[in-house]
Amino acid sequence: MVADFDEASYLRLQSLVYRVGTAVSKILPTERLYVLSLGSNQGNTHVHWHVAPLPPGVPYEQQQHRALMAEEAGYLEVPPEELELLARRIRAAL
């Protein structure tokens, strides 16, 4: 949980989230970048962030939380070799 961090550690983590978001936005076409911390103490008691780029051209009514709902938007099937290439490109942009 966030409360488990001291302020300096939390700010270092947020700096990394910023850097990852910036790198993702350089690599992928991104109209808006969503950065979220989701979870619950019942099922997900660690701290993590989701960095989710919204591609250009998504109609307004399909943006915001709706764009992040797998039931609504679905998800992309990306072959492992493409994911590996994407990870390498993001790492290089960091």
C-alpha atoms as a PDB file:
ATOM      1  CA  MET A   1       0.000   0.000   0.000  1.00  0.00           C
ATOM      2  CA  VAL A   2       1.095   3.560  -0.582  1.00  0.00           C
ATOM      3  CA  ALA A   3       1.176   4.133   3.175  1.00  0.00           C
ATOM      4  CA  ASP A   4       3.981   1.550   3.367  1.00  0.00           C
ATOM      5  CA  PHE A   5       6.362   3.937   1.583  1.00  0.00           C
ATOM      6  CA  ASP A   6       8.214   6.860   3.039  1.00  0.00           C
ATOM      7  CA  GLU A   7       7.779  10.022   0.981  1.00  0.00           C
ATOM      8  CA  ALA A   8      11.183   9.851  -0.727  1.00  0.00           C
ATOM      9  CA  SER A   9      10.643   6.235  -1.845  1.00  0.00           C
ATOM     10  CA  TYR A  10       7.146   7.004  -3.090  1.00  0.00           C
ATOM     11  CA  LEU A  11       8.383   9.991  -5.097  1.00  0.00           C
ATOM     12  CA  ARG A  12      11.164   7.858  -6.644  1.00  0.00           C
ATOM     13  CA  LEU A  13       8.521   5.321  -7.693  1.00  0.00           C
ATOM     14  CA  GLN A  14       6.319   8.057  -9.165  1.00  0.00           C
ATOM     15  CA  SER A  15       9.337   9.364 -11.075  1.00  0.00           C
ATOM     16  CA  LEU A  16       9.762   5.924 -12.635  1.00  0.00           C
ATOM     17  CA  VAL A  17       6.053   5.790 -13.546  1.00  0.00           C
ATOM     18  CA  TYR A  18       6.494   9.184 -15.240  1.00  0.00           C
ATOM     19  CA  ARG A  19       9.542   7.967 -17.173  1.00  0.00           C
ATOM     20  CA  VAL A  20       7.762   4.791 -18.309  1.00  0.00           C
ATOM     21  CA  GLY A  21       4.699   6.800 -19.379  1.00  0.00           C
ATOM     22  CA  THR A  22       6.874   9.194 -21.352  1.00  0.00           C
ATOM     23  CA  ALA A  23       8.691   6.306 -23.051  1.00  0.00           C
ATOM     24  CA  VAL A  24       5.431   4.516 -23.911  1.00  0.00           C
ATOM     25  CA  SER A  25       4.041   7.737 -25.404  1.00  0.00           C
ATOM     26  CA  LYS A  26       7.154   8.091 -27.588  1.00  0.00           C
ATOM     27  CA  ILE A  27       6.894   4.528 -28.884  1.00  0.00           C
ATOM     28  CA  LEU A  28       3.134   4.162 -29.394  1.00  0.00           C
ATOM     29  CA  PRO A  29       0.644   6.554 -30.962  1.00  0.00           C
ATOM     30  CA  THR A  30      -0.943   8.056 -27.839  1.00  0.00           C
ATOM     31  CA  GLU A  31      -3.714  10.628 -27.675  1.00  0.00           C
ATOM     32  CA  ARG A  32      -3.864  10.404 -23.899  1.00  0.00           C
ATOM     33  CA  LEU A  33      -1.981   8.335 -21.355  1.00  0.00           C
ATOM     34  CA  TYR A  34      -3.910   6.828 -18.462  1.00  0.00           C
ATOM     35  CA  VAL A  35      -1.910   6.101 -15.313  1.00  0.00           C
ATOM     36  CA  LEU A  36      -3.837   4.163 -12.699  1.00  0.00           C
ATOM     37  CA  SER A  37      -3.225   2.356  -9.470  1.00  0.00           C
ATOM     38  CA  LEU A  38      -5.900  -0.322  -9.127  1.00  0.00           C
ATOM     39  CA  GLY A  39      -6.437  -3.160  -6.712  1.00  0.00           C
ATOM     40  CA  SER A  40      -7.898  -3.977  -3.337  1.00  0.00           C
ATOM     41  CA  ASN A  41      -6.648  -5.185   0.000  1.00  0.00           C
ATOM     42  CA  GLN A  42      -8.749  -8.312  -0.456  1.00  0.00           C
ATOM     43  CA  GLY A  43      -7.203  -9.513  -3.688  1.00  0.00           C
ATOM     44  CA  ASN A  44      -4.263  -7.351  -4.608  1.00  0.00           C
ATOM     45  CA  THR A  45      -2.302  -6.055  -1.640  1.00  0.00           C
ATOM     46  CA  HIS A  46       0.771  -4.823  -3.483  1.00  0.00           C
ATOM     47  CA  VAL A  47       1.378  -1.442  -5.089  1.00  0.00           C
ATOM     48  CA  HIS A  48       1.457  -1.299  -8.860  1.00  0.00           C
ATOM     49  CA  TRP A  49       0.559   1.130 -11.619  1.00  0.00           C
ATOM     50  CA  HIS A  50      -1.069   0.593 -14.991  1.00  0.00           C
ATOM     51  CA  VAL A  51       0.288   2.740 -17.818  1.00  0.00           C
ATOM     52  CA  ALA A  52      -2.340   2.562 -20.572  1.00  0.00           C
ATOM     53  CA  PRO A  53      -1.997   4.564 -23.785  1.00  0.00           C
ATOM     54  CA  LEU A  54      -5.223   5.609 -25.497  1.00  0.00           C
ATOM     55  CA  PRO A  55      -4.668   5.513 -29.255  1.00  0.00           C
ATOM     56  CA  PRO A  56      -5.737   8.455 -31.404  1.00  0.00           C
ATOM     57  CA  GLY A  57      -9.199   8.326 -32.917  1.00  0.00           C
ATOM     58  CA  VAL A  58     -11.098   6.644 -30.095  1.00  0.00           C
ATOM     59  CA  PRO A  59     -14.535   8.310 -29.928  1.00  0.00           C
ATOM     60  CA  TYR A  60     -15.039  10.392 -26.793  1.00  0.00           C
ATOM     61  CA  GLU A  61     -17.852   8.183 -25.485  1.00  0.00           C
ATOM     62  CA  GLN A  62     -15.449   5.216 -25.560  1.00  0.00           C
ATOM     63  CA  GLN A  63     -12.694   6.984 -23.619  1.00  0.00           C
ATOM     64  CA  GLN A  64     -12.090   7.391 -19.884  1.00  0.00           C
ATOM     65  CA  HIS A  65     -12.888   4.353 -17.728  1.00  0.00           C
ATOM     66  CA  ARG A  66     -14.773   2.654 -20.568  1.00  0.00           C
ATOM     67  CA  ALA A  67     -11.559   2.382 -22.609  1.00  0.00           C
ATOM     68  CA  LEU A  68     -10.014   0.389 -19.753  1.00  0.00           C
ATOM     69  CA  MET A  69     -12.868  -2.073 -19.284  1.00  0.00           C
ATOM     70  CA  ALA A  70     -11.987  -5.376 -20.941  1.00  0.00           C
ATOM     71  CA  GLU A  71     -15.690  -6.251 -21.123  1.00  0.00           C
ATOM     72  CA  GLU A  72     -16.320  -3.142 -23.254  1.00  0.00           C
ATOM     73  CA  ALA A  73     -13.136  -2.555 -25.197  1.00  0.00           C
ATOM     74  CA  GLY A  74     -11.665  -6.025 -25.256  1.00  0.00           C
ATOM     75  CA  TYR A  75      -7.939  -6.407 -25.454  1.00  0.00           C
ATOM     76  CA  LEU A  76      -5.338  -6.895 -28.127  1.00  0.00           C
ATOM     77  CA  GLU A  77      -3.889 -10.291 -28.899  1.00  0.00           C
ATOM     78  CA  VAL A  78      -0.226  -9.443 -29.437  1.00  0.00           C
ATOM     79  CA  PRO A  79       2.198 -12.214 -30.383  1.00  0.00           C
ATOM     80  CA  PRO A  80       5.015 -12.722 -27.851  1.00  0.00           C
ATOM     81  CA  GLU A  81       7.713 -11.658 -30.334  1.00  0.00           C
ATOM     82  CA  GLU A  82       5.928  -8.313 -30.896  1.00  0.00           C
ATOM     83  CA  LEU A  83       5.613  -7.803 -27.135  1.00  0.00           C
ATOM     84  CA  GLU A  84       9.327  -8.471 -26.756  1.00  0.00           C
ATOM     85  CA  LEU A  85      10.143  -5.932 -29.467  1.00  0.00           C
ATOM     86  CA  LEU A  86       7.838  -3.378 -27.853  1.00  0.00           C
ATOM     87  CA  ALA A  87       9.482  -3.962 -24.461  1.00  0.00           C
ATOM     88  CA  ARG A  88      12.929  -3.453 -25.997  1.00  0.00           C
ATOM     89  CA  ARG A  89      11.823  -0.206 -27.670  1.00  0.00           C
ATOM     90  CA  ILE A  90      10.334   1.130 -24.431  1.00  0.00           C
ATOM     91  CA  ARG A  91      13.443   0.123 -22.489  1.00  0.00           C
ATOM     92  CA  ALA A  92      15.621   1.936 -25.043  1.00  0.00           C
ATOM     93  CA  ALA A  93      13.431   5.054 -24.740  1.00  0.00           C
ATOM     94  CA  LEU A  94      13.933   5.062 -20.968  1.00  0.00           C
END
